[in-house]
N, C-alpha and C. Protein backbone atom coordinates (compact mmCIF):
# COMPACT_ATOMS: atom_id res chain seq x y z
N MET A 1 0.85 -1.18 0.00
CA MET A 1 0.00 0.00 0.00
C MET A 1 0.89 1.24 0.00
N LYS A 2 0.50 2.22 -0.75
CA LYS A 2 1.24 3.47 -0.83
C LYS A 2 0.95 4.33 0.40
N PRO A 3 1.95 5.07 0.89
CA PRO A 3 1.72 5.94 2.05
C PRO A 3 0.57 6.94 1.83
N LYS A 4 0.46 7.48 0.61
CA LYS A 4 -0.60 8.46 0.35
C LYS A 4 -1.98 7.86 0.59
N LEU A 5 -2.22 6.65 0.12
CA LEU A 5 -3.51 6.01 0.32
C LEU A 5 -3.77 5.75 1.81
N LEU A 6 -2.76 5.26 2.52
CA LEU A 6 -2.92 4.98 3.94
C LEU A 6 -3.22 6.25 4.72
N PHE A 7 -2.46 7.31 4.47
CA PHE A 7 -2.71 8.58 5.16
C PHE A 7 -4.10 9.12 4.84
N THR A 8 -4.53 9.00 3.60
CA THR A 8 -5.85 9.49 3.20
C THR A 8 -6.96 8.69 3.89
N LEU A 9 -6.87 7.36 3.87
CA LEU A 9 -7.88 6.53 4.53
C LEU A 9 -7.94 6.80 6.03
N ALA A 10 -6.78 6.93 6.65
CA ALA A 10 -6.74 7.19 8.09
C ALA A 10 -7.33 8.57 8.40
N ALA A 11 -7.04 9.56 7.56
CA ALA A 11 -7.57 10.90 7.78
C ALA A 11 -9.09 10.89 7.70
N ILE A 12 -9.63 10.22 6.70
CA ILE A 12 -11.08 10.16 6.54
C ILE A 12 -11.71 9.41 7.70
N PHE A 13 -11.17 8.25 8.05
CA PHE A 13 -11.73 7.45 9.14
C PHE A 13 -11.68 8.21 10.47
N MET A 14 -10.51 8.74 10.82
CA MET A 14 -10.38 9.46 12.09
C MET A 14 -11.24 10.72 12.11
N GLY A 15 -11.33 11.40 10.97
CA GLY A 15 -12.17 12.59 10.88
C GLY A 15 -13.63 12.26 11.11
N LEU A 16 -14.11 11.22 10.46
CA LEU A 16 -15.51 10.83 10.62
C LEU A 16 -15.82 10.40 12.05
N VAL A 17 -14.97 9.57 12.63
CA VAL A 17 -15.19 9.12 14.01
C VAL A 17 -15.14 10.31 14.97
N GLY A 18 -14.17 11.20 14.77
CA GLY A 18 -14.07 12.38 15.62
C GLY A 18 -15.30 13.26 15.54
N ILE A 19 -15.79 13.48 14.33
CA ILE A 19 -16.99 14.31 14.15
C ILE A 19 -18.21 13.67 14.79
N VAL A 20 -18.37 12.37 14.61
CA VAL A 20 -19.52 11.67 15.20
C VAL A 20 -19.47 11.75 16.72
N ILE A 21 -18.30 11.52 17.30
CA ILE A 21 -18.19 11.58 18.77
C ILE A 21 -18.42 12.99 19.27
N GLN A 22 -17.97 13.99 18.52
CA GLN A 22 -18.20 15.38 18.93
C GLN A 22 -19.69 15.73 18.83
N ALA A 23 -20.33 15.31 17.76
CA ALA A 23 -21.71 15.73 17.50
C ALA A 23 -22.74 14.94 18.31
N ILE A 24 -22.59 13.63 18.34
CA ILE A 24 -23.59 12.79 19.02
C ILE A 24 -22.90 11.71 19.86
N PRO A 25 -22.23 12.10 20.95
CA PRO A 25 -21.47 11.12 21.72
C PRO A 25 -22.33 10.03 22.36
N HIS A 26 -23.60 10.29 22.54
CA HIS A 26 -24.48 9.29 23.16
C HIS A 26 -24.58 8.02 22.32
N VAL A 27 -24.62 8.18 21.00
CA VAL A 27 -24.85 7.04 20.12
C VAL A 27 -23.66 6.10 20.03
N PRO A 28 -22.48 6.57 19.58
CA PRO A 28 -21.38 5.61 19.42
C PRO A 28 -20.82 5.09 20.74
N LEU A 29 -21.00 5.84 21.81
CA LEU A 29 -20.43 5.43 23.09
C LEU A 29 -21.45 4.81 24.03
N HIS A 30 -22.66 4.64 23.54
CA HIS A 30 -23.73 3.99 24.32
C HIS A 30 -23.95 4.66 25.68
N LEU A 31 -23.96 5.98 25.68
CA LEU A 31 -24.17 6.72 26.92
C LEU A 31 -25.66 6.82 27.21
N PRO A 32 -26.00 6.88 28.48
CA PRO A 32 -27.42 7.07 28.80
C PRO A 32 -27.87 8.47 28.37
N PRO A 33 -29.14 8.62 28.05
CA PRO A 33 -29.63 9.93 27.60
C PRO A 33 -29.45 11.04 28.64
N ASP A 34 -29.39 10.65 29.90
CA ASP A 34 -29.25 11.66 30.96
C ASP A 34 -27.79 11.81 31.43
N ALA A 35 -26.84 11.49 30.56
CA ALA A 35 -25.42 11.61 30.91
C ALA A 35 -25.11 13.07 31.25
N SER A 36 -24.27 13.26 32.24
CA SER A 36 -23.97 14.61 32.70
C SER A 36 -23.17 15.40 31.65
N ALA A 37 -23.33 16.71 31.73
CA ALA A 37 -22.62 17.59 30.80
C ALA A 37 -21.11 17.47 30.99
N SER A 38 -20.66 17.26 32.22
CA SER A 38 -19.21 17.13 32.45
C SER A 38 -18.67 15.84 31.84
N LEU A 39 -19.45 14.78 31.86
CA LEU A 39 -19.02 13.53 31.22
C LEU A 39 -18.90 13.74 29.71
N ILE A 40 -19.89 14.38 29.13
CA ILE A 40 -19.85 14.65 27.68
C ILE A 40 -18.64 15.52 27.34
N ALA A 41 -18.37 16.53 28.14
CA ALA A 41 -17.22 17.40 27.90
C ALA A 41 -15.92 16.62 28.02
N ASN A 42 -15.84 15.74 29.01
CA ASN A 42 -14.62 14.93 29.20
C ASN A 42 -14.43 13.93 28.07
N ILE A 43 -15.48 13.55 27.40
CA ILE A 43 -15.37 12.66 26.24
C ILE A 43 -14.96 13.45 25.00
N ARG A 44 -15.48 14.65 24.86
CA ARG A 44 -15.20 15.44 23.67
C ARG A 44 -13.75 15.92 23.61
N VAL A 45 -13.12 16.09 24.75
CA VAL A 45 -11.73 16.55 24.74
C VAL A 45 -10.80 15.54 24.06
N PRO A 46 -10.76 14.26 24.50
CA PRO A 46 -9.89 13.32 23.79
C PRO A 46 -10.38 13.02 22.37
N ALA A 47 -11.69 13.13 22.13
CA ALA A 47 -12.20 12.89 20.78
C ALA A 47 -11.67 13.95 19.81
N SER A 48 -11.39 15.14 20.33
CA SER A 48 -10.84 16.18 19.45
C SER A 48 -9.46 15.80 18.94
N LEU A 49 -8.76 14.93 19.65
CA LEU A 49 -7.46 14.46 19.17
C LEU A 49 -7.60 13.64 17.89
N LEU A 50 -8.74 12.97 17.73
CA LEU A 50 -8.96 12.24 16.48
C LEU A 50 -9.02 13.21 15.30
N LEU A 51 -9.63 14.36 15.53
CA LEU A 51 -9.68 15.38 14.48
C LEU A 51 -8.29 15.93 14.18
N ALA A 52 -7.49 16.10 15.22
CA ALA A 52 -6.12 16.58 15.02
C ALA A 52 -5.30 15.57 14.22
N PHE A 53 -5.42 14.30 14.54
CA PHE A 53 -4.72 13.26 13.79
C PHE A 53 -5.22 13.21 12.35
N ALA A 54 -6.52 13.42 12.15
CA ALA A 54 -7.08 13.43 10.80
C ALA A 54 -6.43 14.54 9.97
N VAL A 55 -6.32 15.72 10.54
CA VAL A 55 -5.70 16.85 9.83
C VAL A 55 -4.22 16.55 9.56
N LEU A 56 -3.53 16.02 10.54
CA LEU A 56 -2.11 15.68 10.37
C LEU A 56 -1.94 14.68 9.23
N ASN A 57 -2.75 13.63 9.23
CA ASN A 57 -2.65 12.62 8.17
C ASN A 57 -3.01 13.20 6.81
N TRP A 58 -4.01 14.07 6.78
CA TRP A 58 -4.42 14.66 5.50
C TRP A 58 -3.27 15.46 4.89
N PHE A 59 -2.60 16.25 5.70
CA PHE A 59 -1.51 17.06 5.17
C PHE A 59 -0.23 16.26 4.95
N ALA A 60 -0.10 15.12 5.61
CA ALA A 60 1.09 14.28 5.42
C ALA A 60 0.98 13.40 4.18
N ARG A 61 -0.21 13.29 3.62
CA ARG A 61 -0.42 12.34 2.51
C ARG A 61 0.44 12.62 1.29
N ASN A 62 0.80 13.87 1.06
CA ASN A 62 1.63 14.22 -0.10
C ASN A 62 3.09 14.47 0.26
N SER A 63 3.47 14.15 1.49
CA SER A 63 4.83 14.47 1.91
C SER A 63 5.84 13.45 1.38
N ASP A 64 7.06 13.93 1.21
CA ASP A 64 8.15 13.06 0.79
C ASP A 64 8.74 12.38 2.02
N ALA A 65 9.53 11.35 1.77
CA ALA A 65 10.18 10.63 2.86
C ALA A 65 11.07 11.59 3.65
N SER A 66 10.89 11.57 4.97
CA SER A 66 11.70 12.41 5.85
C SER A 66 11.57 11.86 7.27
N SER A 67 12.41 12.37 8.16
CA SER A 67 12.30 11.94 9.55
C SER A 67 10.97 12.40 10.15
N ALA A 68 10.43 13.51 9.67
CA ALA A 68 9.13 13.98 10.16
C ALA A 68 8.03 13.00 9.75
N ARG A 69 8.06 12.54 8.50
CA ARG A 69 7.05 11.57 8.06
C ARG A 69 7.23 10.25 8.80
N ASP A 70 8.48 9.86 9.07
CA ASP A 70 8.72 8.66 9.88
C ASP A 70 8.03 8.78 11.23
N ALA A 71 8.14 9.97 11.84
CA ALA A 71 7.52 10.21 13.14
C ALA A 71 6.00 10.13 13.05
N ILE A 72 5.43 10.59 11.94
CA ILE A 72 3.98 10.51 11.75
C ILE A 72 3.55 9.05 11.64
N PHE A 73 4.33 8.24 10.94
CA PHE A 73 4.02 6.80 10.86
C PHE A 73 4.06 6.17 12.26
N ILE A 74 5.09 6.48 13.02
CA ILE A 74 5.22 5.91 14.37
C ILE A 74 4.07 6.38 15.26
N GLY A 75 3.76 7.67 15.20
CA GLY A 75 2.66 8.20 16.00
C GLY A 75 1.33 7.55 15.67
N ASN A 76 1.06 7.35 14.39
CA ASN A 76 -0.17 6.67 13.99
C ASN A 76 -0.19 5.21 14.43
N THR A 77 0.95 4.55 14.32
CA THR A 77 1.02 3.15 14.76
C THR A 77 0.69 3.05 16.24
N VAL A 78 1.31 3.91 17.04
CA VAL A 78 1.07 3.89 18.50
C VAL A 78 -0.38 4.27 18.80
N ALA A 79 -0.89 5.32 18.15
CA ALA A 79 -2.26 5.76 18.40
C ALA A 79 -3.27 4.67 18.07
N PHE A 80 -3.15 4.06 16.90
CA PHE A 80 -4.09 3.01 16.52
C PHE A 80 -3.93 1.77 17.40
N ALA A 81 -2.71 1.46 17.82
CA ALA A 81 -2.51 0.32 18.72
C ALA A 81 -3.21 0.56 20.06
N LEU A 82 -3.05 1.77 20.61
CA LEU A 82 -3.69 2.07 21.89
C LEU A 82 -5.21 2.13 21.76
N ILE A 83 -5.70 2.66 20.65
CA ILE A 83 -7.15 2.67 20.42
C ILE A 83 -7.66 1.24 20.30
N THR A 84 -6.90 0.38 19.62
CA THR A 84 -7.30 -1.02 19.49
C THR A 84 -7.39 -1.69 20.85
N ILE A 85 -6.40 -1.46 21.69
CA ILE A 85 -6.42 -2.05 23.04
C ILE A 85 -7.62 -1.54 23.83
N GLY A 86 -7.84 -0.23 23.79
CA GLY A 86 -8.98 0.35 24.50
C GLY A 86 -10.30 -0.17 23.99
N ASP A 87 -10.46 -0.22 22.67
CA ASP A 87 -11.70 -0.74 22.09
C ASP A 87 -11.92 -2.21 22.46
N THR A 88 -10.84 -2.98 22.48
CA THR A 88 -10.95 -4.39 22.86
C THR A 88 -11.45 -4.53 24.29
N LEU A 89 -10.86 -3.77 25.19
CA LEU A 89 -11.29 -3.84 26.59
C LEU A 89 -12.74 -3.42 26.77
N VAL A 90 -13.12 -2.33 26.13
CA VAL A 90 -14.51 -1.85 26.23
C VAL A 90 -15.47 -2.86 25.63
N THR A 91 -15.11 -3.45 24.51
CA THR A 91 -15.98 -4.42 23.85
C THR A 91 -16.15 -5.66 24.71
N ILE A 92 -15.09 -6.09 25.37
CA ILE A 92 -15.18 -7.27 26.25
C ILE A 92 -16.03 -6.96 27.48
N VAL A 93 -15.77 -5.82 28.11
CA VAL A 93 -16.50 -5.45 29.33
C VAL A 93 -17.99 -5.22 29.05
N ASP A 94 -18.28 -4.49 27.97
CA ASP A 94 -19.67 -4.17 27.64
C ASP A 94 -20.38 -5.29 26.89
N ALA A 95 -19.64 -6.28 26.44
CA ALA A 95 -20.19 -7.39 25.65
C ALA A 95 -20.99 -6.86 24.47
N ALA A 96 -20.42 -5.84 23.80
CA ALA A 96 -21.08 -5.24 22.64
C ALA A 96 -20.46 -5.80 21.37
N PRO A 97 -21.17 -6.69 20.68
CA PRO A 97 -20.58 -7.33 19.50
C PRO A 97 -20.21 -6.36 18.38
N GLU A 98 -20.92 -5.23 18.26
CA GLU A 98 -20.58 -4.28 17.20
C GLU A 98 -19.22 -3.62 17.44
N GLY A 99 -18.73 -3.68 18.68
CA GLY A 99 -17.42 -3.13 18.99
C GLY A 99 -16.29 -3.85 18.28
N TRP A 100 -16.50 -5.12 17.93
CA TRP A 100 -15.45 -5.88 17.26
C TRP A 100 -15.18 -5.34 15.86
N VAL A 101 -16.15 -4.67 15.27
CA VAL A 101 -15.92 -4.04 13.96
C VAL A 101 -14.82 -2.98 14.09
N PHE A 102 -14.94 -2.13 15.12
CA PHE A 102 -13.95 -1.07 15.31
C PHE A 102 -12.62 -1.64 15.79
N VAL A 103 -12.66 -2.69 16.58
CA VAL A 103 -11.41 -3.34 16.98
C VAL A 103 -10.67 -3.82 15.73
N THR A 104 -11.39 -4.45 14.83
CA THR A 104 -10.78 -4.97 13.61
C THR A 104 -10.24 -3.84 12.73
N ILE A 105 -11.04 -2.80 12.53
CA ILE A 105 -10.59 -1.67 11.70
C ILE A 105 -9.34 -1.03 12.29
N ASN A 106 -9.36 -0.79 13.59
CA ASN A 106 -8.20 -0.16 14.24
C ASN A 106 -6.98 -1.07 14.21
N LEU A 107 -7.17 -2.37 14.36
CA LEU A 107 -6.06 -3.31 14.28
C LEU A 107 -5.46 -3.31 12.88
N LEU A 108 -6.31 -3.27 11.86
CA LEU A 108 -5.81 -3.23 10.48
C LEU A 108 -5.02 -1.95 10.21
N PHE A 109 -5.50 -0.82 10.75
CA PHE A 109 -4.74 0.42 10.60
C PHE A 109 -3.40 0.33 11.34
N THR A 110 -3.39 -0.28 12.52
CA THR A 110 -2.15 -0.45 13.28
C THR A 110 -1.13 -1.22 12.45
N ILE A 111 -1.57 -2.34 11.91
CA ILE A 111 -0.68 -3.19 11.11
C ILE A 111 -0.22 -2.45 9.86
N ALA A 112 -1.16 -1.77 9.20
CA ALA A 112 -0.82 -1.06 7.96
C ALA A 112 0.20 0.05 8.22
N PHE A 113 0.01 0.84 9.28
CA PHE A 113 0.97 1.91 9.56
C PHE A 113 2.33 1.33 9.93
N PHE A 114 2.36 0.22 10.63
CA PHE A 114 3.63 -0.40 10.97
C PHE A 114 4.34 -0.89 9.71
N VAL A 115 3.64 -1.64 8.88
CA VAL A 115 4.24 -2.24 7.69
C VAL A 115 4.63 -1.18 6.66
N VAL A 116 3.70 -0.28 6.34
CA VAL A 116 3.97 0.75 5.33
C VAL A 116 5.03 1.73 5.84
N GLY A 117 4.96 2.08 7.11
CA GLY A 117 5.96 2.98 7.67
C GLY A 117 7.35 2.37 7.66
N ARG A 118 7.41 1.09 7.97
CA ARG A 118 8.71 0.41 7.97
C ARG A 118 9.29 0.31 6.56
N ALA A 119 8.42 0.04 5.59
CA ALA A 119 8.88 -0.10 4.21
C ALA A 119 9.24 1.24 3.57
N ASN A 120 8.74 2.34 4.14
CA ASN A 120 8.96 3.66 3.55
C ASN A 120 9.76 4.60 4.46
N ARG A 121 10.58 4.02 5.31
CA ARG A 121 11.42 4.85 6.18
C ARG A 121 12.31 5.75 5.33
N SER A 122 12.56 6.93 5.85
CA SER A 122 13.37 7.90 5.10
C SER A 122 14.79 7.38 4.86
N SER A 123 15.29 6.55 5.75
CA SER A 123 16.66 6.02 5.55
C SER A 123 16.71 5.00 4.42
N LEU A 124 15.56 4.43 4.03
CA LEU A 124 15.54 3.45 2.95
C LEU A 124 15.24 4.07 1.60
N THR A 125 14.55 5.21 1.61
CA THR A 125 14.09 5.77 0.34
C THR A 125 14.94 6.90 -0.19
N LYS A 126 15.99 7.28 0.52
CA LYS A 126 16.84 8.38 0.04
C LYS A 126 17.83 7.92 -0.99
């Protein structure tokens, strides 16, 4: 897979998830309708990081090999790995079968960023 395609797919996915969590956090997170405003605010703060990663990936999609792009690959690998772990734990605890879809998607992104990032390191492509 080409880095441009991976960065573009990740930007779109993270952007969409971030927007949905910002706009209607009750639905994707299975919150009760009477969830407190402070809980919603505490959820929206880390969800905004998904939007930041989406923007980063969008602008990195056309970048040439460099140590900065290497760092973006590593950051995405770590972010998707941690999201995968968190989603797995939540899916197991809540016994929500639809959660496995996101676990799978996030795991595939983790693997893709690791493999594509490793194959396109700046030290290999110069």
